[in-house]
Protein backbone atom coordinates (compact mmCIF):
# COMPACT_ATOMS: atom_id res chain seq x y z
CA MET A 1 12.32 -70.36 -75.12
CA VAL A 2 12.36 -69.97 -71.19
CA PHE A 3 12.05 -66.10 -71.42
CA ILE A 4 8.81 -66.62 -73.89
CA THR A 5 7.61 -69.10 -71.29
CA TRP A 6 8.14 -66.27 -68.76
CA LEU A 7 6.68 -63.88 -70.79
CA ILE A 8 3.46 -66.04 -71.10
CA GLN A 9 3.32 -66.35 -67.61
CA CYS A 10 3.73 -62.77 -66.62
CA LEU A 11 0.89 -62.08 -68.87
CA LEU A 12 -1.38 -64.33 -67.32
CA ILE A 13 -0.46 -63.17 -64.17
CA LEU A 14 -1.37 -59.84 -65.06
CA LEU A 15 -4.45 -60.56 -66.31
CA SER A 16 -5.52 -62.39 -62.79
CA ILE A 17 -4.62 -59.54 -61.63
CA ALA A 18 -7.13 -57.57 -63.16
CA PHE A 19 -10.35 -60.13 -62.33
CA PHE A 20 -8.68 -60.41 -58.53
CA THR A 21 -9.39 -56.81 -58.35
CA LEU A 22 -13.19 -57.01 -59.65
CA PHE A 23 -13.65 -60.03 -57.48
CA GLU A 24 -12.64 -57.73 -54.60
CA ARG A 25 -14.78 -55.10 -55.43
CA LYS A 26 -17.89 -57.11 -55.74
CA ILE A 27 -17.07 -59.25 -52.53
CA MET A 28 -16.89 -55.66 -50.71
CA GLY A 29 -19.80 -54.52 -52.77
CA LEU A 30 -21.82 -57.50 -50.92
CA PHE A 31 -20.51 -56.60 -47.71
CA HIS A 32 -20.96 -53.30 -47.73
CA ARG A 33 -24.87 -53.68 -48.77
CA ARG A 34 -24.02 -52.31 -52.60
CA LEU A 35 -23.73 -53.24 -56.14
CA GLY A 36 -20.25 -53.49 -57.31
CA PRO A 37 -19.28 -52.99 -60.59
CA ASN A 38 -21.93 -53.97 -63.37
CA LYS A 39 -22.41 -51.56 -65.79
CA VAL A 40 -19.60 -52.67 -68.21
CA ARG A 41 -20.64 -55.69 -70.57
CA PHE A 42 -22.02 -58.98 -68.29
CA ILE A 43 -21.58 -58.36 -64.32
CA GLY A 44 -18.86 -55.66 -65.04
CA LEU A 45 -16.31 -58.14 -66.46
CA LEU A 46 -14.75 -55.92 -68.62
CA GLN A 47 -14.48 -53.13 -65.95
CA PRO A 48 -10.69 -54.29 -64.98
CA ILE A 49 -9.79 -54.15 -68.49
CA LEU A 50 -11.08 -50.66 -68.92
CA ASP A 51 -9.55 -49.41 -65.72
CA GLY A 52 -6.21 -50.56 -67.33
CA ALA A 53 -6.58 -49.08 -70.23
CA LYS A 54 -7.45 -45.84 -68.46
CA LEU A 55 -4.43 -45.76 -66.46
CA PHE A 56 -2.15 -46.28 -69.34
CA LEU A 57 -3.68 -43.50 -71.26
CA LYS A 58 -3.61 -40.96 -68.20
CA GLN A 59 -0.73 -38.28 -68.78
CA ASN A 60 2.42 -39.47 -66.29
CA LEU A 61 2.85 -36.32 -64.48
CA ILE A 62 6.14 -35.77 -62.49
CA PRO A 63 6.65 -33.62 -59.82
CA HIS A 64 9.04 -30.50 -60.35
CA ARG A 65 11.23 -31.27 -57.56
CA ALA A 66 11.30 -35.19 -58.08
CA ASN A 67 14.16 -37.43 -58.75
CA ARG A 68 13.50 -38.08 -62.28
CA PHE A 69 15.29 -41.31 -63.19
CA ILE A 70 14.56 -42.81 -59.93
CA TYR A 71 11.12 -42.26 -59.89
CA ASN A 72 10.12 -43.43 -63.03
CA LEU A 73 12.91 -46.63 -62.29
CA ALA A 74 11.05 -47.45 -58.94
CA PRO A 75 8.01 -48.80 -60.19
CA ILE A 76 9.69 -50.60 -63.06
CA ILE A 77 11.36 -52.57 -60.15
CA ALA A 78 9.18 -53.34 -58.18
CA LEU A 79 6.78 -54.90 -60.81
CA PHE A 80 9.89 -56.84 -62.20
CA LEU A 81 10.71 -58.21 -59.22
CA SER A 82 7.40 -59.34 -58.29
CA LEU A 83 6.70 -60.82 -61.34
CA PHE A 84 10.19 -62.32 -61.34
CA LEU A 85 9.67 -63.78 -57.67
CA TRP A 86 6.52 -65.79 -59.49
CA VAL A 87 9.32 -68.40 -60.63
CA THR A 88 9.96 -69.96 -57.31
CA LEU A 89 5.91 -71.59 -56.93
CA PRO A 90 5.61 -74.82 -57.05
CA GLY A 91 4.22 -76.07 -60.46
CA THR A 92 5.83 -73.76 -62.69
CA TYR A 93 8.51 -74.76 -65.54
CA ILE A 94 11.89 -73.90 -63.74
CA VAL A 95 11.41 -74.45 -59.79
CA ILE A 96 11.05 -78.36 -60.20
CA SER A 97 14.89 -77.83 -60.56
CA MET A 98 15.65 -74.73 -58.11
CA ASN A 99 16.51 -76.70 -55.09
CA TYR A 100 17.30 -73.49 -53.72
CA SER A 101 14.29 -71.53 -54.50
CA ILE A 102 13.60 -70.62 -50.95
CA VAL A 103 16.90 -68.68 -50.59
CA LEU A 104 15.85 -66.34 -53.75
CA PHE A 105 12.15 -66.23 -52.28
CA PHE A 106 14.11 -64.43 -49.47
CA LEU A 107 16.16 -62.50 -51.32
CA LEU A 108 13.58 -61.14 -53.86
CA ARG A 109 11.30 -60.36 -50.93
CA SER A 110 14.01 -58.24 -48.89
CA ILE A 111 15.17 -56.56 -52.24
CA MET A 112 11.66 -55.45 -53.02
CA VAL A 113 11.50 -52.78 -49.89
CA PHE A 114 13.51 -50.88 -51.90
CA SER A 115 11.25 -50.17 -54.84
CA VAL A 116 8.92 -48.19 -51.91
CA LEU A 117 12.17 -46.60 -50.54
CA LEU A 118 12.88 -45.46 -53.45
CA SER A 119 9.59 -44.24 -55.08
CA GLY A 120 9.16 -42.70 -51.96
CA TRP A 121 12.13 -40.72 -51.83
CA ALA A 122 12.72 -39.74 -55.20
CA SER A 123 9.31 -38.33 -55.29
CA ASN A 124 10.16 -35.10 -52.95
CA SER A 125 7.33 -34.52 -50.94
CA LYS A 126 6.33 -34.87 -46.94
CA TYR A 127 3.73 -37.61 -47.46
CA SER A 128 5.55 -39.76 -49.46
CA LEU A 129 8.45 -39.85 -47.22
CA ILE A 130 6.42 -40.63 -44.57
CA GLY A 131 4.62 -43.53 -46.00
CA ARG A 132 8.20 -44.91 -47.18
CA LEU A 133 9.34 -44.70 -43.85
CA ARG A 134 6.53 -46.39 -42.56
CA SER A 135 6.56 -49.13 -44.53
CA VAL A 136 10.50 -49.77 -44.59
CA ALA A 137 9.79 -49.66 -40.71
CA GLN A 138 6.78 -52.05 -41.31
CA SER A 139 8.87 -54.58 -43.32
CA ILE A 140 12.12 -54.85 -41.25
CA SER A 141 9.28 -55.69 -38.08
CA TYR A 142 7.48 -57.71 -39.82
CA GLU A 143 10.16 -59.64 -42.16
CA SER A 144 11.79 -60.85 -38.64
CA VAL A 145 8.66 -62.76 -37.60
CA PHE A 146 8.28 -63.78 -41.25
CA ARG A 147 11.05 -65.62 -41.93
CA THR A 148 11.54 -67.19 -38.03
CA LEU A 149 8.23 -68.87 -39.59
CA ILE A 150 9.86 -70.13 -43.07
CA VAL A 151 13.04 -70.83 -41.20
CA LEU A 152 11.26 -73.43 -39.08
CA VAL A 153 9.20 -74.79 -41.53
CA ILE A 154 13.00 -75.66 -43.61
CA LEU A 155 13.65 -77.37 -40.50
CA LEU A 156 10.55 -79.41 -40.49
CA VAL A 157 10.80 -80.50 -44.26
CA SER A 158 14.51 -80.82 -44.39
CA SER A 159 14.46 -78.76 -47.59
CA TYR A 160 15.69 -75.20 -48.92
CA SER A 161 12.96 -75.65 -51.84
CA ILE A 162 9.43 -74.42 -51.62
CA ARG A 163 8.69 -77.37 -54.13
CA SER A 164 9.10 -79.34 -50.53
CA PHE A 165 6.60 -77.42 -48.62
CA PHE A 166 3.92 -78.65 -50.96
CA VAL A 167 5.01 -82.01 -51.33
CA GLN A 168 5.62 -82.86 -47.46
CA SER A 169 2.81 -80.61 -46.65
CA SER A 170 1.22 -81.46 -43.69
CA ILE A 171 -1.51 -81.16 -40.79
CA LEU A 172 0.87 -80.16 -38.40
CA PHE A 173 1.35 -76.91 -40.85
CA LEU A 174 -1.76 -75.58 -39.91
CA PHE A 175 -0.56 -74.54 -36.37
CA PHE A 176 1.55 -71.71 -37.85
CA PHE A 177 -1.56 -70.55 -39.97
CA PRO A 178 -2.48 -67.80 -37.80
CA LEU A 179 0.64 -66.05 -37.55
CA TRP A 180 1.45 -66.61 -41.53
CA ILE A 181 -1.73 -65.18 -42.03
CA ILE A 182 -0.76 -62.06 -40.16
CA CYS A 183 2.75 -61.61 -41.74
CA THR A 184 1.36 -61.70 -45.14
CA LEU A 185 -0.73 -59.28 -44.32
CA ALA A 186 1.72 -57.58 -42.93
CA GLU A 187 3.91 -57.92 -45.71
CA THR A 188 1.54 -56.78 -48.53
CA HIS A 189 0.74 -53.50 -46.96
CA ARG A 190 -2.96 -55.01 -46.57
CA THR A 191 -5.85 -53.81 -44.03
CA PRO A 192 -5.51 -53.34 -40.94
CA PHE A 193 -1.64 -53.04 -41.77
CA ASP A 194 -2.30 -51.02 -44.45
CA PHE A 195 0.28 -48.13 -43.34
CA ALA A 196 2.59 -47.44 -46.50
CA GLU A 197 -0.65 -46.32 -48.22
CA SER A 198 -2.69 -44.89 -45.39
CA GLU A 199 -5.54 -42.81 -47.61
CA SER A 200 -7.06 -41.34 -44.79
CA GLU A 201 -3.72 -40.00 -43.56
CA LEU A 202 -1.18 -39.57 -46.07
CA VAL A 203 -3.57 -38.92 -49.44
CA SER A 204 -1.79 -42.25 -50.85
CA GLY A 205 1.14 -42.88 -49.13
CA PHE A 206 4.55 -43.70 -51.11
CA ASN A 207 2.54 -43.14 -54.24
CA THR A 208 1.31 -40.11 -53.85
CA GLU A 209 2.94 -38.02 -56.65
CA TYR A 210 2.35 -41.14 -59.05
CA SER A 211 0.00 -41.31 -61.48
CA GLY A 212 -0.65 -43.14 -65.20
CA ALA A 213 1.14 -46.18 -65.93
CA LEU A 214 3.44 -45.71 -63.19
CA PHE A 215 1.07 -45.94 -60.43
CA ALA A 216 -0.32 -48.99 -62.31
CA PHE A 217 3.15 -50.73 -62.63
CA LEU A 218 3.14 -50.04 -58.26
CA PHE A 219 -0.21 -51.23 -58.32
CA LEU A 220 0.06 -54.79 -59.86
CA SER A 221 2.68 -55.15 -58.25
CA GLU A 222 1.37 -54.72 -55.12
CA TYR A 223 -1.96 -56.90 -56.13
CA SER A 224 1.13 -59.75 -57.88
CA MET A 225 2.10 -60.47 -54.28
CA ILE A 226 -1.06 -60.34 -52.87
CA LEU A 227 -1.98 -63.65 -55.20
CA TYR A 228 2.05 -64.93 -54.85
CA SER A 229 0.88 -65.18 -51.28
CA CYS A 230 -2.18 -67.04 -51.25
CA TYR A 231 -1.18 -69.48 -53.85
CA LEU A 232 1.97 -70.06 -51.80
CA ILE A 233 -0.31 -70.27 -48.20
CA THR A 234 -2.68 -72.70 -50.54
CA TYR A 235 0.82 -75.13 -51.48
CA LEU A 236 1.96 -74.99 -47.83
CA PHE A 237 -1.15 -75.42 -45.87
CA PHE A 238 -3.70 -77.33 -47.71
CA MET A 239 -2.13 -79.60 -49.90
CA TRP A 240 -2.12 -82.54 -47.80
CA ILE A 241 -5.48 -82.30 -48.18
CA LEU A 242 -6.33 -81.72 -51.85
CA PRO A 243 -5.30 -83.90 -54.83
CA LEU A 244 -2.72 -82.41 -57.30
CA ASN A 245 -5.37 -80.28 -59.39
CA TYR A 246 -4.93 -76.89 -60.53
CA ILE A 247 -9.00 -76.37 -60.99
CA VAL A 248 -8.91 -77.40 -57.26
CA ILE A 249 -5.74 -75.52 -56.12
CA SER A 250 -6.82 -72.15 -57.83
CA PHE A 251 -10.52 -72.53 -56.01
CA PHE A 252 -8.62 -72.79 -52.53
CA THR A 253 -6.46 -70.09 -53.56
CA LEU A 254 -9.21 -67.70 -54.29
CA LEU A 255 -10.69 -68.69 -50.55
CA VAL A 256 -7.66 -67.44 -49.48
CA ASN A 257 -8.47 -64.29 -51.47
CA PHE A 258 -12.08 -64.15 -50.24
CA LEU A 259 -10.61 -64.37 -46.31
CA ILE A 260 -7.72 -61.46 -46.83
CA ILE A 261 -10.76 -58.87 -48.48
CA TRP A 262 -12.89 -60.49 -45.29
CA ILE A 263 -10.28 -58.93 -42.96
CA ARG A 264 -10.03 -55.88 -44.93
CA ILE A 265 -13.96 -55.27 -44.77
CA THR A 266 -13.83 -56.34 -41.19
CA TYR A 267 -11.04 -54.49 -39.42
CA PRO A 268 -10.39 -50.84 -39.18
CA ARG A 269 -6.91 -49.78 -39.32
CA TYR A 270 -4.52 -50.08 -35.91
CA ARG A 271 -2.24 -47.28 -34.88
CA TYR A 272 1.13 -47.29 -35.90
CA ASP A 273 2.63 -47.75 -32.25
CA ILE A 274 0.18 -50.68 -31.67
CA LEU A 275 1.20 -51.99 -35.08
CA MET A 276 4.65 -52.41 -33.80
CA ILE A 277 4.15 -53.42 -30.48
CA LEU A 278 2.47 -56.38 -32.18
CA SER A 279 5.02 -57.41 -33.62
CA TRP A 280 8.01 -56.57 -31.54
CA LYS A 281 6.40 -57.38 -27.93
CA ILE A 282 4.09 -60.25 -29.07
CA LEU A 283 4.62 -61.82 -32.35
CA LEU A 284 7.95 -62.31 -32.68
CA PRO A 285 9.05 -63.62 -28.66
CA PHE A 286 5.70 -65.72 -29.86
CA THR A 287 7.41 -67.19 -32.80
CA LEU A 288 11.03 -67.84 -30.86
CA ALA A 289 9.05 -69.70 -28.00
CA ILE A 290 7.18 -72.07 -30.75
CA PHE A 291 10.55 -72.30 -32.65
CA CYS A 292 12.19 -73.13 -29.37
CA CYS A 293 9.33 -75.92 -28.58
CA PHE A 294 9.63 -77.36 -32.06
CA ILE A 295 13.63 -77.83 -32.00
CA PRO A 296 13.08 -81.35 -29.69
CA LEU A 297 10.82 -82.57 -32.68
CA ILE A 298 13.05 -81.49 -35.29
CA LEU A 299 16.06 -83.02 -33.47
């Protein structure tokens, strides 16, 4: 029964991802003063479904020198881990009894970088290799900041459960909101930190050699992480002003999604050295300073 419930949840998540892409393209069209997808039925509502069908029906081309087993396995691992991560969110069927869901969150987010690592290596392409190296270095750099922030929140709520985050959500957490957004953008490889895919520099980064269904798996895993991060932000930073109503929570999640899309439209990509300087010389010392300031309050 639990497995069937998880499968239904996965299907709903994938459907949400499909229409999130439509939402993103519509918002970008409005900002760019052009039309977004509007030709397929009413205001383009069938566009995401047809895009998905196009990807899954295309031929899956495998490079001649690629490691075929790992090449095929890496996108499947990425999609599975990104969907399995949703069981840690408050409001799902299993999180109520999961007292150490934040530990599972740490574990899955740390493992997910290996899917990018394996997909870039197995392709045997120099563009995929550079995208892979950039992605791993970026993930390690910003995980240090992100994990420090999460440990600080754990100490404030005195619990290892993500459910406690939204039960004890406070206006005090808004102080961490800018840092949390920056780390989320870097962890999910969104503009202005999209160095793993850098279309203008690396063709398409670590997924250059992927096509068809395998590319769709990588695409779905990336957007699944974005949606998950937006839900987590809503639960952590805004539950103290929101009623326990899934419609209101979904609306605030869309607002966070809109903010991430707005940042993508507004800011150009950073230089890679500036990205690393921002992490190790600015954000990490600043986060550690905040941590030291909050220790007397925690004690």
